[in-house]
N, C-alpha and C. Protein backbone atom coordinates (compact mmCIF):
# COMPACT_ATOMS: atom_id res chain seq x y z
N MET A 1 -55.96 142.34 23.54
CA MET A 1 -55.37 143.65 23.75
C MET A 1 -54.27 143.52 24.79
N PRO A 2 -53.09 144.01 24.52
CA PRO A 2 -52.00 143.92 25.50
C PRO A 2 -52.33 144.68 26.77
N GLN A 3 -51.77 144.21 27.87
CA GLN A 3 -52.10 144.82 29.16
C GLN A 3 -51.58 146.24 29.27
N ALA A 4 -50.49 146.57 28.60
CA ALA A 4 -49.99 147.94 28.63
C ALA A 4 -50.99 148.88 27.95
N ALA A 5 -51.62 148.42 26.88
CA ALA A 5 -52.63 149.24 26.21
C ALA A 5 -53.87 149.40 27.09
N VAL A 6 -54.24 148.35 27.80
CA VAL A 6 -55.38 148.44 28.72
C VAL A 6 -55.07 149.42 29.84
N LEU A 7 -53.85 149.38 30.35
CA LEU A 7 -53.44 150.31 31.41
C LEU A 7 -53.54 151.75 30.93
N GLU A 8 -53.06 152.03 29.72
CA GLU A 8 -53.12 153.39 29.17
C GLU A 8 -54.57 153.82 28.97
N LEU A 9 -55.41 152.90 28.50
CA LEU A 9 -56.83 153.19 28.29
C LEU A 9 -57.52 153.53 29.60
N VAL A 10 -57.23 152.77 30.65
CA VAL A 10 -57.84 153.02 31.95
C VAL A 10 -57.36 154.35 32.52
N GLN A 11 -56.07 154.64 32.38
CA GLN A 11 -55.54 155.89 32.91
C GLN A 11 -56.14 157.11 32.21
N CYS A 12 -56.37 157.00 30.89
CA CYS A 12 -56.92 158.15 30.15
C CYS A 12 -58.41 158.33 30.39
N ASN A 13 -59.17 157.25 30.36
CA ASN A 13 -60.62 157.36 30.41
C ASN A 13 -61.23 157.31 31.80
N PHE A 14 -60.50 156.74 32.75
CA PHE A 14 -61.03 156.61 34.11
C PHE A 14 -60.02 157.15 35.12
N PRO A 15 -59.86 158.48 35.21
CA PRO A 15 -58.86 159.04 36.13
C PRO A 15 -59.22 158.83 37.60
N GLN A 16 -60.47 158.47 37.91
CA GLN A 16 -60.86 158.26 39.30
C GLN A 16 -60.21 157.01 39.89
N TYR A 17 -59.77 156.08 39.02
CA TYR A 17 -59.08 154.89 39.51
C TYR A 17 -57.58 155.17 39.54
N SER A 18 -56.97 154.85 40.66
CA SER A 18 -55.55 155.14 40.80
C SER A 18 -54.72 153.91 40.42
N ILE A 19 -54.75 153.59 39.14
CA ILE A 19 -53.93 152.48 38.63
C ILE A 19 -52.75 153.13 37.93
N SER A 20 -51.59 153.03 38.55
CA SER A 20 -50.42 153.70 37.98
C SER A 20 -49.38 152.73 37.45
N ALA A 21 -49.54 151.45 37.74
CA ALA A 21 -48.53 150.50 37.30
C ALA A 21 -49.20 149.28 36.67
N LEU A 22 -48.45 148.64 35.82
CA LEU A 22 -48.95 147.44 35.16
C LEU A 22 -49.23 146.34 36.17
N LYS A 23 -48.44 146.27 37.22
CA LYS A 23 -48.64 145.25 38.25
C LYS A 23 -49.99 145.45 38.95
N SER A 24 -50.39 146.69 39.16
CA SER A 24 -51.70 146.96 39.77
C SER A 24 -52.82 146.49 38.87
N LEU A 25 -52.67 146.73 37.57
CA LEU A 25 -53.68 146.27 36.62
C LEU A 25 -53.76 144.74 36.61
N GLN A 26 -52.63 144.08 36.62
CA GLN A 26 -52.62 142.61 36.65
C GLN A 26 -53.29 142.09 37.91
N ARG A 27 -53.05 142.73 39.04
CA ARG A 27 -53.65 142.31 40.30
C ARG A 27 -55.17 142.47 40.25
N MET A 28 -55.64 143.59 39.67
CA MET A 28 -57.09 143.81 39.55
C MET A 28 -57.72 142.79 38.60
N LEU A 29 -57.08 142.53 37.48
CA LEU A 29 -57.61 141.56 36.53
C LEU A 29 -57.68 140.17 37.14
N ASN A 30 -56.65 139.78 37.89
CA ASN A 30 -56.67 138.49 38.56
C ASN A 30 -57.76 138.43 39.62
N HIS A 31 -57.97 139.54 40.33
CA HIS A 31 -59.00 139.59 41.36
C HIS A 31 -60.39 139.33 40.76
N PHE A 32 -60.65 139.88 39.58
CA PHE A 32 -61.95 139.71 38.95
C PHE A 32 -62.02 138.48 38.06
N GLY A 33 -60.96 137.69 38.01
CA GLY A 33 -60.99 136.43 37.28
C GLY A 33 -60.65 136.53 35.81
N TYR A 34 -60.06 137.62 35.38
CA TYR A 34 -59.69 137.76 33.98
C TYR A 34 -58.19 137.56 33.83
N THR A 35 -57.84 136.37 33.41
CA THR A 35 -56.45 136.09 33.08
C THR A 35 -56.38 135.76 31.61
N ARG A 36 -55.18 135.65 31.08
CA ARG A 36 -55.06 135.37 29.66
C ARG A 36 -55.64 134.01 29.30
N GLN A 37 -55.47 133.04 30.15
CA GLN A 37 -55.97 131.71 29.88
C GLN A 37 -57.45 131.56 30.20
N ASN A 38 -58.03 132.52 30.89
CA ASN A 38 -59.41 132.42 31.30
C ASN A 38 -60.32 133.23 30.38
N ILE A 39 -60.15 133.07 29.09
CA ILE A 39 -61.02 133.74 28.14
C ILE A 39 -62.27 132.90 28.02
N ARG A 40 -63.37 133.46 28.40
CA ARG A 40 -64.61 132.68 28.47
C ARG A 40 -65.22 132.53 27.08
N SER A 41 -65.55 131.31 26.73
CA SER A 41 -66.27 131.04 25.49
C SER A 41 -67.35 130.01 25.81
N THR A 42 -68.51 130.23 25.25
CA THR A 42 -69.63 129.35 25.54
C THR A 42 -69.52 128.07 24.71
N ASP A 43 -70.34 127.08 25.08
CA ASP A 43 -70.33 125.82 24.34
C ASP A 43 -70.79 126.02 22.91
N THR A 44 -71.71 126.94 22.69
CA THR A 44 -72.17 127.17 21.32
C THR A 44 -71.07 127.78 20.46
N ASP A 45 -70.24 128.66 21.06
CA ASP A 45 -69.10 129.23 20.33
C ASP A 45 -68.09 128.15 19.98
N VAL A 46 -67.82 127.28 20.94
CA VAL A 46 -66.86 126.20 20.71
C VAL A 46 -67.39 125.24 19.64
N ASP A 47 -68.67 124.89 19.72
CA ASP A 47 -69.27 124.00 18.73
C ASP A 47 -69.21 124.61 17.33
N ALA A 48 -69.52 125.89 17.22
CA ALA A 48 -69.50 126.55 15.92
C ALA A 48 -68.09 126.59 15.35
N ALA A 49 -67.09 126.87 16.20
CA ALA A 49 -65.71 126.91 15.73
C ALA A 49 -65.24 125.53 15.30
N ILE A 50 -65.62 124.49 16.03
CA ILE A 50 -65.23 123.13 15.67
C ILE A 50 -65.89 122.73 14.35
N LYS A 51 -67.14 123.08 14.16
CA LYS A 51 -67.81 122.77 12.89
C LYS A 51 -67.14 123.47 11.72
N GLU A 52 -66.68 124.70 11.92
CA GLU A 52 -65.94 125.41 10.87
C GLU A 52 -64.65 124.69 10.53
N VAL A 53 -63.92 124.27 11.55
CA VAL A 53 -62.64 123.58 11.32
C VAL A 53 -62.87 122.26 10.59
N ILE A 54 -63.90 121.52 10.98
CA ILE A 54 -64.20 120.24 10.33
C ILE A 54 -64.57 120.48 8.87
N ALA A 55 -65.32 121.55 8.60
CA ALA A 55 -65.69 121.85 7.21
C ALA A 55 -64.47 122.24 6.38
N GLU A 56 -63.51 122.94 6.99
CA GLU A 56 -62.33 123.39 6.26
C GLU A 56 -61.29 122.29 6.08
N LYS A 57 -60.99 121.55 7.15
CA LYS A 57 -59.85 120.66 7.15
C LYS A 57 -60.19 119.18 7.10
N GLY A 58 -61.44 118.84 7.17
CA GLY A 58 -61.82 117.43 7.18
C GLY A 58 -62.15 116.98 8.58
N GLU A 59 -62.66 115.76 8.69
CA GLU A 59 -63.17 115.32 9.98
C GLU A 59 -62.25 114.40 10.75
N SER A 60 -61.10 114.06 10.21
CA SER A 60 -60.22 113.13 10.92
C SER A 60 -59.17 113.88 11.73
N ILE A 61 -59.61 114.81 12.54
CA ILE A 61 -58.71 115.60 13.39
C ILE A 61 -58.91 115.17 14.83
N GLY A 62 -57.82 114.93 15.52
CA GLY A 62 -57.89 114.51 16.92
C GLY A 62 -58.14 115.67 17.86
N ILE A 63 -58.26 115.33 19.13
CA ILE A 63 -58.61 116.32 20.14
C ILE A 63 -57.50 117.35 20.32
N ARG A 64 -56.26 116.90 20.42
CA ARG A 64 -55.15 117.84 20.65
C ARG A 64 -54.93 118.75 19.45
N THR A 65 -55.01 118.17 18.25
CA THR A 65 -54.85 118.98 17.05
C THR A 65 -55.98 119.97 16.92
N MET A 66 -57.19 119.54 17.22
CA MET A 66 -58.35 120.44 17.16
C MET A 66 -58.18 121.59 18.14
N ARG A 67 -57.69 121.30 19.33
CA ARG A 67 -57.49 122.35 20.33
C ARG A 67 -56.45 123.36 19.86
N THR A 68 -55.38 122.86 19.23
CA THR A 68 -54.34 123.74 18.72
C THR A 68 -54.87 124.63 17.60
N ILE A 69 -55.65 124.04 16.69
CA ILE A 69 -56.23 124.83 15.60
C ILE A 69 -57.17 125.89 16.14
N LEU A 70 -57.99 125.52 17.12
CA LEU A 70 -58.91 126.50 17.72
C LEU A 70 -58.15 127.65 18.36
N ARG A 71 -57.08 127.32 19.06
CA ARG A 71 -56.31 128.35 19.76
C ARG A 71 -55.55 129.25 18.79
N VAL A 72 -54.91 128.67 17.78
CA VAL A 72 -54.04 129.44 16.90
C VAL A 72 -54.83 130.16 15.81
N GLU A 73 -55.72 129.44 15.13
CA GLU A 73 -56.39 130.02 13.97
C GLU A 73 -57.70 130.73 14.31
N LYS A 74 -58.46 130.18 15.25
CA LYS A 74 -59.78 130.74 15.56
C LYS A 74 -59.79 131.63 16.79
N ASN A 75 -58.68 131.66 17.54
CA ASN A 75 -58.56 132.47 18.75
C ASN A 75 -59.60 132.09 19.79
N VAL A 76 -59.86 130.78 19.91
CA VAL A 76 -60.79 130.24 20.90
C VAL A 76 -59.96 129.41 21.87
N PHE A 77 -59.92 129.81 23.13
CA PHE A 77 -59.11 129.14 24.13
C PHE A 77 -60.00 128.26 24.99
N VAL A 78 -59.83 126.94 24.85
CA VAL A 78 -60.61 125.98 25.62
C VAL A 78 -59.69 124.85 26.08
N SER A 79 -60.13 124.14 27.10
CA SER A 79 -59.35 123.01 27.59
C SER A 79 -59.55 121.79 26.70
N ARG A 80 -58.66 120.82 26.85
CA ARG A 80 -58.78 119.58 26.08
C ARG A 80 -60.07 118.85 26.42
N ASP A 81 -60.48 118.90 27.68
CA ASP A 81 -61.71 118.23 28.10
C ASP A 81 -62.93 118.82 27.40
N ARG A 82 -62.98 120.15 27.29
CA ARG A 82 -64.11 120.77 26.62
C ARG A 82 -64.12 120.47 25.13
N VAL A 83 -62.93 120.38 24.51
CA VAL A 83 -62.86 120.01 23.10
C VAL A 83 -63.33 118.57 22.91
N ALA A 84 -62.92 117.69 23.83
CA ALA A 84 -63.35 116.28 23.73
C ALA A 84 -64.86 116.15 23.87
N CYS A 85 -65.44 116.86 24.82
CA CYS A 85 -66.90 116.82 25.00
C CYS A 85 -67.63 117.37 23.78
N ALA A 86 -67.09 118.46 23.22
CA ALA A 86 -67.72 119.05 22.04
C ALA A 86 -67.63 118.11 20.84
N LEU A 87 -66.50 117.46 20.67
CA LEU A 87 -66.36 116.51 19.56
C LEU A 87 -67.29 115.31 19.74
N LYS A 88 -67.48 114.87 20.99
CA LYS A 88 -68.41 113.77 21.24
C LYS A 88 -69.84 114.18 20.92
N ARG A 89 -70.18 115.45 21.19
CA ARG A 89 -71.52 115.94 20.86
C ARG A 89 -71.71 116.08 19.36
N ILE A 90 -70.71 116.62 18.68
CA ILE A 90 -70.85 116.93 17.26
C ILE A 90 -70.74 115.69 16.39
N GLN A 91 -69.67 114.91 16.58
CA GLN A 91 -69.42 113.74 15.73
C GLN A 91 -68.92 112.57 16.55
N PRO A 92 -69.80 111.88 17.25
CA PRO A 92 -69.33 110.74 18.06
C PRO A 92 -68.80 109.59 17.21
N GLU A 93 -69.33 109.42 16.00
CA GLU A 93 -68.87 108.31 15.15
C GLU A 93 -67.43 108.52 14.68
N MET A 94 -67.02 109.78 14.52
CA MET A 94 -65.65 110.06 14.12
C MET A 94 -64.65 109.63 15.19
N LEU A 95 -64.98 109.89 16.45
CA LEU A 95 -64.09 109.48 17.53
C LEU A 95 -64.03 107.96 17.64
N GLU A 96 -65.13 107.28 17.40
CA GLU A 96 -65.12 105.82 17.45
C GLU A 96 -64.31 105.23 16.32
N ARG A 97 -64.32 105.87 15.14
CA ARG A 97 -63.49 105.39 14.04
C ARG A 97 -62.01 105.56 14.33
N ARG A 98 -61.64 106.61 15.06
CA ARG A 98 -60.24 106.85 15.39
C ARG A 98 -59.73 105.93 16.50
N ARG A 99 -60.61 105.42 17.33
CA ARG A 99 -60.20 104.64 18.50
C ARG A 99 -59.36 103.40 18.16
N PRO A 100 -59.70 102.58 17.15
CA PRO A 100 -58.86 101.41 16.87
C PRO A 100 -57.45 101.78 16.42
N LEU A 101 -57.25 102.97 15.91
CA LEU A 101 -55.93 103.38 15.45
C LEU A 101 -55.00 103.75 16.60
N LEU A 102 -55.54 104.01 17.76
CA LEU A 102 -54.72 104.52 18.85
C LEU A 102 -53.71 103.49 19.35
N GLY A 103 -54.08 102.23 19.44
CA GLY A 103 -53.17 101.23 19.97
C GLY A 103 -52.63 100.28 18.91
N ALA A 104 -52.74 100.63 17.65
CA ALA A 104 -52.39 99.71 16.56
C ALA A 104 -50.88 99.44 16.47
N GLY A 105 -50.03 100.37 16.87
CA GLY A 105 -48.60 100.21 16.67
C GLY A 105 -47.88 99.54 17.83
N LYS A 106 -48.56 99.09 18.85
CA LYS A 106 -47.89 98.52 20.02
C LYS A 106 -47.47 97.08 19.78
N ARG A 107 -46.31 96.74 20.31
CA ARG A 107 -45.84 95.35 20.25
C ARG A 107 -46.41 94.59 21.43
N PRO A 108 -46.51 93.27 21.30
CA PRO A 108 -46.98 92.49 22.46
C PRO A 108 -45.98 92.55 23.59
N LYS A 109 -46.49 92.51 24.80
CA LYS A 109 -45.65 92.59 25.98
C LYS A 109 -44.90 91.28 26.18
N ILE A 110 -43.60 91.37 26.48
CA ILE A 110 -42.79 90.19 26.72
C ILE A 110 -42.98 89.77 28.17
N THR A 111 -43.34 88.52 28.37
CA THR A 111 -43.56 88.03 29.73
C THR A 111 -42.52 86.97 30.06
N GLY A 112 -42.35 86.68 31.30
CA GLY A 112 -41.40 85.67 31.74
C GLY A 112 -40.24 86.30 32.49
N LYS A 113 -39.38 85.44 33.06
CA LYS A 113 -38.27 85.96 33.85
C LYS A 113 -37.19 86.55 32.98
N PHE A 114 -36.89 85.92 31.87
CA PHE A 114 -35.80 86.38 31.04
C PHE A 114 -36.35 86.82 29.69
N ALA A 115 -36.13 88.05 29.37
CA ALA A 115 -36.63 88.56 28.09
C ALA A 115 -35.67 88.23 26.96
N GLY A 116 -34.45 87.84 27.29
CA GLY A 116 -33.41 87.62 26.28
C GLY A 116 -33.48 86.30 25.55
N GLY A 117 -34.12 85.31 26.07
CA GLY A 117 -34.20 84.06 25.31
C GLY A 117 -34.01 82.84 26.20
N SER A 118 -33.35 81.80 25.67
CA SER A 118 -33.27 80.50 26.33
C SER A 118 -32.39 80.50 27.49
């Protein structure tokens, strides 16, 4: 819900509170710990949303992509760390299968004083 709509709702339904500006509402929300990025979701909610995504899109989804899908499609806002922990709980073998692919494209490091040749 947009903050302007929340402000109008508070002004209409709770006239005892003297919130007259959007900045006052933002200050109160920050005081009580409600920011846009601080949408609380439990581990069970995150696990259920991840299981839905895996069922819909397949299981070879990485942590960053999973976090983006959760945020955009499922409206679940979580940190990358929480997504990683949830994926380790749900499907640890999937993460282990993806691990060898992470460094597969790297070239060997050139050692020595001159990298150019003889």
